[in-house]
Amino acid sequence: MTGFARVRKTVEEGEIVFSLKSVNHRGLDLHLHMPPDMDSLENQVRGVLKPGVARGHVQAQASFTPIAAAAKAPVNWELLDVYMQAFRQASGKYGLSAPPDIDAALQAPGVLTSGEQREPGEAVGRALLEAAGEALEAWNASREREGAATALEIRQRCEVLRTLVARMEEIRAGAIPAFQKRLRERLDELLRGAAVDPQRLAQEAAILADRSDISEELVRLSTHAAQLESIVSLGGEVGKRLDFLLQEMNREANTILSKTGGLGDLGLTMTDLSLAAKAEIDKIREQSLNLE
């Protein structure tokens, strides 16, 4: 599920910024980016994050900006003396009278440095872990808001789906007369007016209706829609369960489509309703991809 959070923490040494952002993923794919001098805290930061992250492609980023006093870069005077002495020797050797360029000298490698890499102080480490915890809390809150909106839309589409199923059930109830009419018309064409036993006609129509009966598919589709709505309402990790259930619902809708051809106007209506049901199922599937 998508989410984003950013937390800032200020300590005596400087400012820490910790951000989290994510998109949906089948498993947990956590990437943590931190300054090199904070590498020793990586396992602790992961320990803070993992209990609150179950799935998703998660990018965690930490940065530390020292304050001006802490960031004051020392000068390597010994190295600067070497550079200046080399400049004077070169000037004398080649007869140059130009003064040395101090700016260029300070930019020479190793002259102006922030010092050796140092482990972060206790206050910085504590603030980093606090920022990670607060960012995790804010990140989950943003995902919960998005999840609630997505769940509401899914429940609304389930209601539409049940309405379509109810309409198809009404049409199915009048299917046997339609099958009888269809069979009689076909027989009239073949027999060209010869008498047909009404009882045999009714039997053949019943067999044809049984082969094209969609009552079980409608019951299962309605049951699956209610189950899907229940899963979403209960919350928790629902993404994988919804994926399996939606596959079953799509299969039922396809079966209904395959069984309702050749019913004339009723068949066209059933086809339209089945296609509408498939469209709702596809839209639910799109939304379910955003759920954990």
C-alpha atoms as a PDB file:
ATOM      1  CA  MET A   1       0.000   0.000   0.000  1.00  0.00           C
ATOM      2  CA  THR A   2       1.286   3.457  -0.781  1.00  0.00           C
ATOM      3  CA  GLY A   3       2.283   5.710   2.080  1.00  0.00           C
ATOM      4  CA  PHE A   4       4.607   8.565   2.989  1.00  0.00           C
ATOM      5  CA  ALA A   5       5.932  10.193   6.153  1.00  0.00           C
ATOM      6  CA  ARG A   6       8.788  12.516   7.091  1.00  0.00           C
ATOM      7  CA  VAL A   7      10.041  13.418  10.563  1.00  0.00           C
ATOM      8  CA  ARG A   8      12.616  16.026  11.602  1.00  0.00           C
ATOM      9  CA  LYS A   9      14.593  15.908  14.837  1.00  0.00           C
ATOM     10  CA  THR A  10      16.963  18.591  16.071  1.00  0.00           C
ATOM     11  CA  VAL A  11      19.754  17.801  18.509  1.00  0.00           C
ATOM     12  CA  GLU A  12      22.761  19.801  19.701  1.00  0.00           C
ATOM     13  CA  GLU A  13      24.949  18.389  16.928  1.00  0.00           C
ATOM     14  CA  GLY A  14      22.511  19.080  14.067  1.00  0.00           C
ATOM     15  CA  GLU A  15      19.258  18.025  12.396  1.00  0.00           C
ATOM     16  CA  ILE A  16      18.068  14.527  11.529  1.00  0.00           C
ATOM     17  CA  VAL A  17      15.484  13.943   8.782  1.00  0.00           C
ATOM     18  CA  PHE A  18      13.926  10.499   8.475  1.00  0.00           C
ATOM     19  CA  SER A  19      11.472   9.670   5.667  1.00  0.00           C
ATOM     20  CA  LEU A  20       9.460   6.607   4.676  1.00  0.00           C
ATOM     21  CA  LYS A  21       7.645   5.988   1.421  1.00  0.00           C
ATOM     22  CA  SER A  22       6.194   2.815  -0.027  1.00  0.00           C
ATOM     23  CA  VAL A  23       4.234   1.162  -2.805  1.00  0.00           C
ATOM     24  CA  ASN A  24       2.492  -2.207  -2.737  1.00  0.00           C
ATOM     25  CA  HIS A  25       4.553  -5.376  -3.136  1.00  0.00           C
ATOM     26  CA  ARG A  26       3.888  -9.103  -2.727  1.00  0.00           C
ATOM     27  CA  GLY A  27       6.394  -9.325   0.130  1.00  0.00           C
ATOM     28  CA  LEU A  28       8.505  -7.045   2.297  1.00  0.00           C
ATOM     29  CA  ASP A  29      11.217  -5.224   0.333  1.00  0.00           C
ATOM     30  CA  LEU A  30      12.812  -2.748   2.731  1.00  0.00           C
ATOM     31  CA  HIS A  31      15.596  -0.455   1.492  1.00  0.00           C
ATOM     32  CA  LEU A  32      17.373   1.676   4.086  1.00  0.00           C
ATOM     33  CA  HIS A  33      19.659   4.556   3.082  1.00  0.00           C
ATOM     34  CA  MET A  34      21.751   6.241   5.792  1.00  0.00           C
ATOM     35  CA  PRO A  35      24.894   8.404   5.989  1.00  0.00           C
ATOM     36  CA  PRO A  36      28.102   6.321   6.171  1.00  0.00           C
ATOM     37  CA  ASP A  37      28.912   7.515   9.688  1.00  0.00           C
ATOM     38  CA  MET A  38      25.564   6.070  10.879  1.00  0.00           C
ATOM     39  CA  ASP A  39      26.137   2.562   9.500  1.00  0.00           C
ATOM     40  CA  SER A  40      26.547   1.197  13.016  1.00  0.00           C
ATOM     41  CA  LEU A  41      22.920   2.108  13.740  1.00  0.00           C
ATOM     42  CA  GLU A  42      21.421   0.352  10.713  1.00  0.00           C
ATOM     43  CA  ASN A  43      20.418  -2.836  12.529  1.00  0.00           C
ATOM     44  CA  GLN A  44      18.767  -0.844  15.307  1.00  0.00           C
ATOM     45  CA  VAL A  45      16.802   1.227  12.770  1.00  0.00           C
ATOM     46  CA  ARG A  46      15.667  -1.922  10.979  1.00  0.00           C
ATOM     47  CA  GLY A  47      14.617  -3.318  14.333  1.00  0.00           C
ATOM     48  CA  VAL A  48      12.383  -0.285  14.846  1.00  0.00           C
ATOM     49  CA  LEU A  49      10.821  -0.511  11.378  1.00  0.00           C
ATOM     50  CA  LYS A  50      10.242  -4.235  10.812  1.00  0.00           C
ATOM     51  CA  PRO A  51       7.572  -4.823  13.500  1.00  0.00           C
ATOM     52  CA  GLY A  52       5.390  -2.188  11.836  1.00  0.00           C
ATOM     53  CA  VAL A  53       5.883  -3.252   8.203  1.00  0.00           C
ATOM     54  CA  ALA A  54       4.416  -6.496   6.857  1.00  0.00           C
ATOM     55  CA  ARG A  55       4.460  -5.983   3.086  1.00  0.00           C
ATOM     56  CA  GLY A  56       5.458  -3.425   0.509  1.00  0.00           C
ATOM     57  CA  HIS A  57       8.377  -1.931  -1.348  1.00  0.00           C
ATOM     58  CA  VAL A  58       9.569   0.477   1.346  1.00  0.00           C
ATOM     59  CA  GLN A  59      12.198   3.181   0.953  1.00  0.00           C
ATOM     60  CA  ALA A  60      13.594   4.499   4.251  1.00  0.00           C
ATOM     61  CA  GLN A  61      15.978   7.456   4.103  1.00  0.00           C
ATOM     62  CA  ALA A  62      17.905   9.112   6.931  1.00  0.00           C
ATOM     63  CA  SER A  63      20.023  12.247   6.647  1.00  0.00           C
ATOM     64  CA  PHE A  64      22.000  14.244   9.184  1.00  0.00           C
ATOM     65  CA  THR A  65      22.938  17.899   8.762  1.00  0.00           C
ATOM     66  CA  PRO A  66      25.446  19.174  11.336  1.00  0.00           C
ATOM     67  CA  ILE A  67      24.895  22.655  12.740  1.00  0.00           C
ATOM     68  CA  ALA A  68      27.374  25.390  11.827  1.00  0.00           C
ATOM     69  CA  ALA A  69      29.588  24.969  14.901  1.00  0.00           C
ATOM     70  CA  ALA A  70      29.768  21.217  14.529  1.00  0.00           C
ATOM     71  CA  ALA A  71      30.265  21.445  10.804  1.00  0.00           C
ATOM     72  CA  LYS A  72      33.233  23.839  11.038  1.00  0.00           C
ATOM     73  CA  ALA A  73      35.872  22.185   8.920  1.00  0.00           C
ATOM     74  CA  PRO A  74      39.399  22.073  10.369  1.00  0.00           C
ATOM     75  CA  VAL A  75      42.427  22.872   8.245  1.00  0.00           C
ATOM     76  CA  ASN A  76      45.207  20.361   7.839  1.00  0.00           C
ATOM     77  CA  TRP A  77      47.954  22.921   8.411  1.00  0.00           C
ATOM     78  CA  GLU A  78      50.803  20.507   7.848  1.00  0.00           C
ATOM     79  CA  LEU A  79      49.484  19.550   4.438  1.00  0.00           C
ATOM     80  CA  LEU A  80      48.731  23.178   3.590  1.00  0.00           C
ATOM     81  CA  ASP A  81      52.347  24.079   4.518  1.00  0.00           C
ATOM     82  CA  VAL A  82      53.573  21.381   2.126  1.00  0.00           C
ATOM     83  CA  TYR A  83      51.431  22.781  -0.681  1.00  0.00           C
ATOM     84  CA  MET A  84      52.573  26.352  -0.025  1.00  0.00           C
ATOM     85  CA  GLN A  85      56.238  25.298   0.147  1.00  0.00           C
ATOM     86  CA  ALA A  86      55.831  23.437  -3.138  1.00  0.00           C
ATOM     87  CA  PHE A  87      54.272  26.569  -4.659  1.00  0.00           C
ATOM     88  CA  ARG A  88      57.190  28.741  -3.549  1.00  0.00           C
ATOM     89  CA  GLN A  89      59.737  26.268  -4.888  1.00  0.00           C
ATOM     90  CA  ALA A  90      57.943  26.098  -8.209  1.00  0.00           C
ATOM     91  CA  SER A  91      57.733  29.930  -8.358  1.00  0.00           C
ATOM     92  CA  GLY A  92      61.466  30.265  -7.730  1.00  0.00           C
ATOM     93  CA  LYS A  93      62.366  27.558 -10.201  1.00  0.00           C
ATOM     94  CA  TYR A  94      60.287  29.047 -13.003  1.00  0.00           C
ATOM     95  CA  GLY A  95      60.720  32.720 -12.072  1.00  0.00           C
ATOM     96  CA  LEU A  96      57.066  33.354 -11.231  1.00  0.00           C
ATOM     97  CA  SER A  97      56.053  36.396  -9.201  1.00  0.00           C
ATOM     98  CA  ALA A  98      52.319  35.725  -8.745  1.00  0.00           C
ATOM     99  CA  PRO A  99      51.159  35.236  -5.153  1.00  0.00           C
ATOM    100  CA  PRO A 100      49.767  31.817  -4.214  1.00  0.00           C
ATOM    101  CA  ASP A 101      46.010  31.269  -4.712  1.00  0.00           C
ATOM    102  CA  ILE A 102      44.797  30.451  -1.215  1.00  0.00           C
ATOM    103  CA  ASP A 103      41.363  29.380  -2.474  1.00  0.00           C
ATOM    104  CA  ALA A 104      42.949  26.815  -4.786  1.00  0.00           C
ATOM    105  CA  ALA A 105      45.224  25.646  -1.980  1.00  0.00           C
ATOM    106  CA  LEU A 106      42.282  25.092   0.376  1.00  0.00           C
ATOM    107  CA  GLN A 107      40.521  23.019  -2.296  1.00  0.00           C
ATOM    108  CA  ALA A 108      43.501  20.693  -2.615  1.00  0.00           C
ATOM    109  CA  PRO A 109      42.654  17.151  -1.473  1.00  0.00           C
ATOM    110  CA  GLY A 110      42.980  16.698   2.266  1.00  0.00           C
ATOM    111  CA  VAL A 111      43.643  20.372   3.140  1.00  0.00           C
ATOM    112  CA  LEU A 112      40.130  21.378   4.120  1.00  0.00           C
ATOM    113  CA  THR A 113      38.350  18.413   5.689  1.00  0.00           C
ATOM    114  CA  SER A 114      35.504  17.685   8.050  1.00  0.00           C
ATOM    115  CA  GLY A 115      37.782  15.323   9.836  1.00  0.00           C
ATOM    116  CA  GLU A 116      37.817  11.565  10.058  1.00  0.00           C
ATOM    117  CA  GLN A 117      34.595   9.582  10.010  1.00  0.00           C
ATOM    118  CA  ARG A 118      33.256   9.445  13.544  1.00  0.00           C
ATOM    119  CA  GLU A 119      30.596   7.369  15.204  1.00  0.00           C
ATOM    120  CA  PRO A 120      27.457   9.389  15.986  1.00  0.00           C
ATOM    121  CA  GLY A 121      27.056  10.539  19.541  1.00  0.00           C
ATOM    122  CA  GLU A 122      24.539   8.959  21.897  1.00  0.00           C
ATOM    123  CA  ALA A 123      22.130  11.863  21.464  1.00  0.00           C
ATOM    124  CA  VAL A 124      22.262  11.586  17.663  1.00  0.00           C
ATOM    125  CA  GLY A 125      21.683   7.833  17.746  1.00  0.00           C
ATOM    126  CA  ARG A 126      18.786   8.163  20.180  1.00  0.00           C
ATOM    127  CA  ALA A 127      17.214  10.924  18.082  1.00  0.00           C
ATOM    128  CA  LEU A 128      17.590   8.827  14.919  1.00  0.00           C
ATOM    129  CA  LEU A 129      15.733   5.873  16.459  1.00  0.00           C
ATOM    130  CA  GLU A 130      13.028   8.185  17.779  1.00  0.00           C
ATOM    131  CA  ALA A 131      12.635   9.739  14.326  1.00  0.00           C
ATOM    132  CA  ALA A 132      12.378   6.281  12.753  1.00  0.00           C
ATOM    133  CA  GLY A 133       9.661   5.291  15.235  1.00  0.00           C
ATOM    134  CA  GLU A 134       7.671   8.485  14.702  1.00  0.00           C
ATOM    135  CA  ALA A 135       7.998   8.216  10.919  1.00  0.00           C
ATOM    136  CA  LEU A 136       6.761   4.616  11.078  1.00  0.00           C
ATOM    137  CA  GLU A 137       3.731   5.685  13.113  1.00  0.00           C
ATOM    138  CA  ALA A 138       2.889   8.554  10.748  1.00  0.00           C
ATOM    139  CA  TRP A 139       3.484   6.323   7.712  1.00  0.00           C
ATOM    140  CA  ASN A 140       1.103   3.662   8.986  1.00  0.00           C
ATOM    141  CA  ALA A 141      -1.481   6.344   9.785  1.00  0.00           C
ATOM    142  CA  SER A 142      -1.339   7.581   6.183  1.00  0.00           C
ATOM    143  CA  ARG A 143      -1.725   4.031   4.911  1.00  0.00           C
ATOM    144  CA  GLU A 144      -4.688   3.429   7.210  1.00  0.00           C
ATOM    145  CA  ARG A 145      -6.439   6.492   5.816  1.00  0.00           C
ATOM    146  CA  GLU A 146      -5.864   5.327   2.255  1.00  0.00           C
ATOM    147  CA  GLY A 147      -6.872   1.780   3.175  1.00  0.00           C
ATOM    148  CA  ALA A 148     -10.139   2.966   4.732  1.00  0.00           C
ATOM    149  CA  ALA A 149     -11.047   4.863   1.556  1.00  0.00           C
ATOM    150  CA  THR A 150     -10.145   1.865  -0.603  1.00  0.00           C
ATOM    151  CA  ALA A 151     -12.135  -0.521   1.595  1.00  0.00           C
ATOM    152  CA  LEU A 152     -15.177   1.752   1.372  1.00  0.00           C
ATOM    153  CA  GLU A 153     -15.021   1.718  -2.419  1.00  0.00           C
ATOM    154  CA  ILE A 154     -14.677  -2.079  -2.460  1.00  0.00           C
ATOM    155  CA  ARG A 155     -17.724  -2.486  -0.213  1.00  0.00           C
ATOM    156  CA  GLN A 156     -19.730  -0.192  -2.469  1.00  0.00           C
ATOM    157  CA  ARG A 157     -18.766  -2.242  -5.514  1.00  0.00           C
ATOM    158  CA  CYS A 158     -19.731  -5.439  -3.692  1.00  0.00           C
ATOM    159  CA  GLU A 159     -23.176  -3.945  -3.130  1.00  0.00           C
ATOM    160  CA  VAL A 160     -23.452  -3.169  -6.847  1.00  0.00           C
ATOM    161  CA  LEU A 161     -22.353  -6.727  -7.609  1.00  0.00           C
ATOM    162  CA  ARG A 162     -25.045  -8.208  -5.366  1.00  0.00           C
ATOM    163  CA  THR A 163     -27.646  -6.027  -7.084  1.00  0.00           C
ATOM    164  CA  LEU A 164     -26.550  -7.406 -10.473  1.00  0.00           C
ATOM    165  CA  VAL A 165     -26.742 -10.969  -9.138  1.00  0.00           C
ATOM    166  CA  ALA A 166     -30.275 -10.356  -7.833  1.00  0.00           C
ATOM    167  CA  ARG A 167     -31.349  -9.058 -11.226  1.00  0.00           C
ATOM    168  CA  MET A 168     -29.862 -12.115 -12.965  1.00  0.00           C
ATOM    169  CA  GLU A 169     -31.697 -14.375 -10.518  1.00  0.00           C
ATOM    170  CA  GLU A 170     -34.984 -12.708 -11.464  1.00  0.00           C
ATOM    171  CA  ILE A 171     -34.298 -13.351 -15.132  1.00  0.00           C
ATOM    172  CA  ARG A 172     -33.225 -16.944 -14.463  1.00  0.00           C
ATOM    173  CA  ALA A 173     -36.591 -17.656 -12.813  1.00  0.00           C
ATOM    174  CA  GLY A 174     -38.316 -17.001 -16.138  1.00  0.00           C
ATOM    175  CA  ALA A 175     -35.822 -18.980 -18.196  1.00  0.00           C
ATOM    176  CA  ILE A 176     -37.834 -22.220 -18.660  1.00  0.00           C
ATOM    177  CA  PRO A 177     -40.665 -20.512 -20.604  1.00  0.00           C
ATOM    178  CA  ALA A 178     -38.020 -18.850 -22.737  1.00  0.00           C
ATOM    179  CA  PHE A 179     -36.353 -22.209 -23.380  1.00  0.00           C
ATOM    180  CA  GLN A 180     -39.711 -23.753 -24.309  1.00  0.00           C
ATOM    181  CA  LYS A 181     -40.375 -20.947 -26.774  1.00  0.00           C
ATOM    182  CA  ARG A 182     -36.913 -21.250 -28.254  1.00  0.00           C
ATOM    183  CA  LEU A 183     -37.221 -25.043 -28.598  1.00  0.00           C
ATOM    184  CA  ARG A 184     -40.685 -24.834 -30.158  1.00  0.00           C
ATOM    185  CA  GLU A 185     -39.472 -22.326 -32.729  1.00  0.00           C
ATOM    186  CA  ARG A 186     -36.524 -24.525 -33.659  1.00  0.00           C
ATOM    187  CA  LEU A 187     -38.713 -27.605 -33.951  1.00  0.00           C
ATOM    188  CA  ASP A 188     -41.272 -25.746 -36.071  1.00  0.00           C
ATOM    189  CA  GLU A 189     -38.468 -24.843 -38.444  1.00  0.00           C
ATOM    190  CA  LEU A 190     -37.250 -28.440 -38.608  1.00  0.00           C
ATOM    191  CA  LEU A 191     -40.629 -30.253 -38.699  1.00  0.00           C
ATOM    192  CA  ARG A 192     -42.438 -27.613 -40.765  1.00  0.00           C
ATOM    193  CA  GLY A 193     -45.739 -27.721 -38.914  1.00  0.00           C
ATOM    194  CA  ALA A 194     -45.804 -31.382 -37.830  1.00  0.00           C
ATOM    195  CA  ALA A 195     -47.404 -32.074 -34.448  1.00  0.00           C
ATOM    196  CA  VAL A 196     -45.127 -32.126 -31.403  1.00  0.00           C
ATOM    197  CA  ASP A 197     -45.983 -33.869 -28.145  1.00  0.00           C
ATOM    198  CA  PRO A 198     -46.354 -31.065 -25.525  1.00  0.00           C
ATOM    199  CA  GLN A 199     -44.986 -33.342 -22.783  1.00  0.00           C
ATOM    200  CA  ARG A 200     -41.873 -34.173 -24.815  1.00  0.00           C
ATOM    201  CA  LEU A 201     -41.453 -30.482 -25.590  1.00  0.00           C
ATOM    202  CA  ALA A 202     -41.575 -29.683 -21.894  1.00  0.00           C
ATOM    203  CA  GLN A 203     -39.030 -32.411 -21.126  1.00  0.00           C
ATOM    204  CA  GLU A 204     -36.596 -31.196 -23.766  1.00  0.00           C
ATOM    205  CA  ALA A 205     -37.008 -27.618 -22.578  1.00  0.00           C
ATOM    206  CA  ALA A 206     -36.312 -28.718 -19.015  1.00  0.00           C
ATOM    207  CA  ILE A 207     -33.148 -30.542 -20.107  1.00  0.00           C
ATOM    208  CA  LEU A 208     -31.986 -27.503 -22.037  1.00  0.00           C
ATOM    209  CA  ALA A 209     -32.767 -25.273 -19.074  1.00  0.00           C
ATOM    210  CA  ASP A 210     -30.855 -27.585 -16.729  1.00  0.00           C
ATOM    211  CA  ARG A 211     -27.775 -27.473 -18.945  1.00  0.00           C
ATOM    212  CA  SER A 212     -27.959 -23.689 -18.996  1.00  0.00           C
ATOM    213  CA  ASP A 213     -28.941 -23.267 -15.348  1.00  0.00           C
ATOM    214  CA  ILE A 214     -26.847 -20.646 -13.561  1.00  0.00           C
ATOM    215  CA  SER A 215     -28.430 -20.862 -10.113  1.00  0.00           C
ATOM    216  CA  GLU A 216     -25.296 -22.371  -8.512  1.00  0.00           C
ATOM    217  CA  GLU A 217     -23.043 -19.792 -10.135  1.00  0.00           C
ATOM    218  CA  LEU A 218     -25.281 -16.969  -8.926  1.00  0.00           C
ATOM    219  CA  VAL A 219     -25.333 -18.356  -5.371  1.00  0.00           C
ATOM    220  CA  ARG A 220     -21.557 -18.693  -5.311  1.00  0.00           C
ATOM    221  CA  LEU A 221     -21.042 -15.237  -6.804  1.00  0.00           C
ATOM    222  CA  SER A 222     -23.338 -13.669  -4.211  1.00  0.00           C
ATOM    223  CA  THR A 223     -21.654 -15.642  -1.404  1.00  0.00           C
ATOM    224  CA  HIS A 224     -18.190 -14.627  -2.578  1.00  0.00           C
ATOM    225  CA  ALA A 225     -19.246 -10.953  -2.710  1.00  0.00           C
ATOM    226  CA  ALA A 226     -20.500 -11.125   0.887  1.00  0.00           C
ATOM    227  CA  GLN A 227     -17.308 -12.907   1.973  1.00  0.00           C
ATOM    228  CA  LEU A 228     -15.156 -10.325   0.218  1.00  0.00           C
ATOM    229  CA  GLU A 229     -16.965  -7.505   1.982  1.00  0.00           C
ATOM    230  CA  SER A 230     -16.518  -9.282   5.312  1.00  0.00           C
ATOM    231  CA  ILE A 231     -12.771  -9.733   4.763  1.00  0.00           C
ATOM    232  CA  VAL A 232     -12.347  -6.048   3.943  1.00  0.00           C
ATOM    233  CA  SER A 233     -14.401  -4.977   6.975  1.00  0.00           C
ATOM    234  CA  LEU A 234     -12.376  -7.161   9.365  1.00  0.00           C
ATOM    235  CA  GLY A 235      -9.103  -5.562   8.191  1.00  0.00           C
ATOM    236  CA  GLY A 236      -5.636  -6.971   8.727  1.00  0.00           C
ATOM    237  CA  GLU A 237      -3.606  -8.484   5.897  1.00  0.00           C
ATOM    238  CA  VAL A 238      -6.247  -9.015   3.223  1.00  0.00           C
ATOM    239  CA  GLY A 239      -4.467  -8.608  -0.105  1.00  0.00           C
ATOM    240  CA  LYS A 240      -3.665 -12.274  -0.819  1.00  0.00           C
ATOM    241  CA  ARG A 241      -7.066 -13.544   0.357  1.00  0.00           C
ATOM    242  CA  LEU A 242      -8.842 -11.037  -1.848  1.00  0.00           C
ATOM    243  CA  ASP A 243      -6.750 -12.053  -4.840  1.00  0.00           C
ATOM    244  CA  PHE A 244      -7.829 -15.701  -4.539  1.00  0.00           C
ATOM    245  CA  LEU A 245     -11.485 -14.806  -3.942  1.00  0.00           C
ATOM    246  CA  LEU A 246     -11.577 -12.461  -6.929  1.00  0.00           C
ATOM    247  CA  GLN A 247     -10.220 -15.207  -9.168  1.00  0.00           C
ATOM    248  CA  GLU A 248     -13.151 -17.409  -8.117  1.00  0.00           C
ATOM    249  CA  MET A 249     -15.645 -14.607  -8.693  1.00  0.00           C
ATOM    250  CA  ASN A 250     -14.283 -13.956 -12.157  1.00  0.00           C
ATOM    251  CA  ARG A 251     -14.569 -17.661 -12.964  1.00  0.00           C
ATOM    252  CA  GLU A 252     -18.242 -17.706 -11.909  1.00  0.00           C
ATOM    253  CA  ALA A 253     -18.984 -14.641 -14.058  1.00  0.00           C
ATOM    254  CA  ASN A 254     -17.341 -16.311 -17.071  1.00  0.00           C
ATOM    255  CA  THR A 255     -19.409 -19.457 -16.559  1.00  0.00           C
ATOM    256  CA  ILE A 256     -22.603 -17.400 -16.445  1.00  0.00           C
ATOM    257  CA  LEU A 257     -21.646 -15.783 -19.729  1.00  0.00           C
ATOM    258  CA  SER A 258     -21.018 -19.153 -21.366  1.00  0.00           C
ATOM    259  CA  LYS A 259     -24.375 -20.583 -20.239  1.00  0.00           C
ATOM    260  CA  THR A 260     -26.728 -17.755 -21.138  1.00  0.00           C
ATOM    261  CA  GLY A 261     -26.258 -17.501 -24.875  1.00  0.00           C
ATOM    262  CA  GLY A 262     -29.136 -18.176 -27.227  1.00  0.00           C
ATOM    263  CA  LEU A 263     -31.934 -16.835 -25.027  1.00  0.00           C
ATOM    264  CA  GLY A 264     -32.863 -13.990 -27.308  1.00  0.00           C
ATOM    265  CA  ASP A 265     -33.564 -10.740 -25.513  1.00  0.00           C
ATOM    266  CA  LEU A 266     -33.212 -12.434 -22.126  1.00  0.00           C
ATOM    267  CA  GLY A 267     -29.800 -13.732 -23.150  1.00  0.00           C
ATOM    268  CA  LEU A 268     -28.678 -10.280 -24.229  1.00  0.00           C
ATOM    269  CA  THR A 269     -29.819  -8.852 -20.909  1.00  0.00           C
ATOM    270  CA  MET A 270     -27.978 -11.594 -18.998  1.00  0.00           C
ATOM    271  CA  THR A 271     -24.880 -10.941 -21.065  1.00  0.00           C
ATOM    272  CA  ASP A 272     -25.004  -7.234 -20.237  1.00  0.00           C
ATOM    273  CA  LEU A 273     -25.470  -7.987 -16.536  1.00  0.00           C
ATOM    274  CA  SER A 274     -22.637 -10.541 -16.539  1.00  0.00           C
ATOM    275  CA  LEU A 275     -20.278  -8.138 -18.274  1.00  0.00           C
ATOM    276  CA  ALA A 276     -21.208  -5.455 -15.756  1.00  0.00           C
ATOM    277  CA  ALA A 277     -20.446  -7.922 -12.950  1.00  0.00           C
ATOM    278  CA  LYS A 278     -17.061  -8.719 -14.505  1.00  0.00           C
ATOM    279  CA  ALA A 279     -16.319  -5.002 -14.758  1.00  0.00           C
ATOM    280  CA  GLU A 280     -17.058  -4.561 -11.038  1.00  0.00           C
ATOM    281  CA  ILE A 281     -14.846  -7.537 -10.205  1.00  0.00           C
ATOM    282  CA  ASP A 282     -11.989  -6.074 -12.266  1.00  0.00           C
ATOM    283  CA  LYS A 283     -12.359  -2.712 -10.527  1.00  0.00           C
ATOM    284  CA  ILE A 284     -12.291  -4.427  -7.129  1.00  0.00           C
ATOM    285  CA  ARG A 285      -9.149  -6.271  -8.212  1.00  0.00           C
ATOM    286  CA  GLU A 286      -7.467  -2.993  -9.161  1.00  0.00           C
ATOM    287  CA  GLN A 287      -8.254  -1.551  -5.741  1.00  0.00           C
ATOM    288  CA  SER A 288      -7.219  -4.729  -3.916  1.00  0.00           C
ATOM    289  CA  LEU A 289      -3.701  -4.352  -5.340  1.00  0.00           C
ATOM    290  CA  ASN A 290      -3.327  -1.317  -3.084  1.00  0.00           C
ATOM    291  CA  LEU A 291      -4.226  -3.258   0.053  1.00  0.00           C
ATOM    292  CA  GLU A 292      -1.773  -5.072   2.262  1.00  0.00           C
END
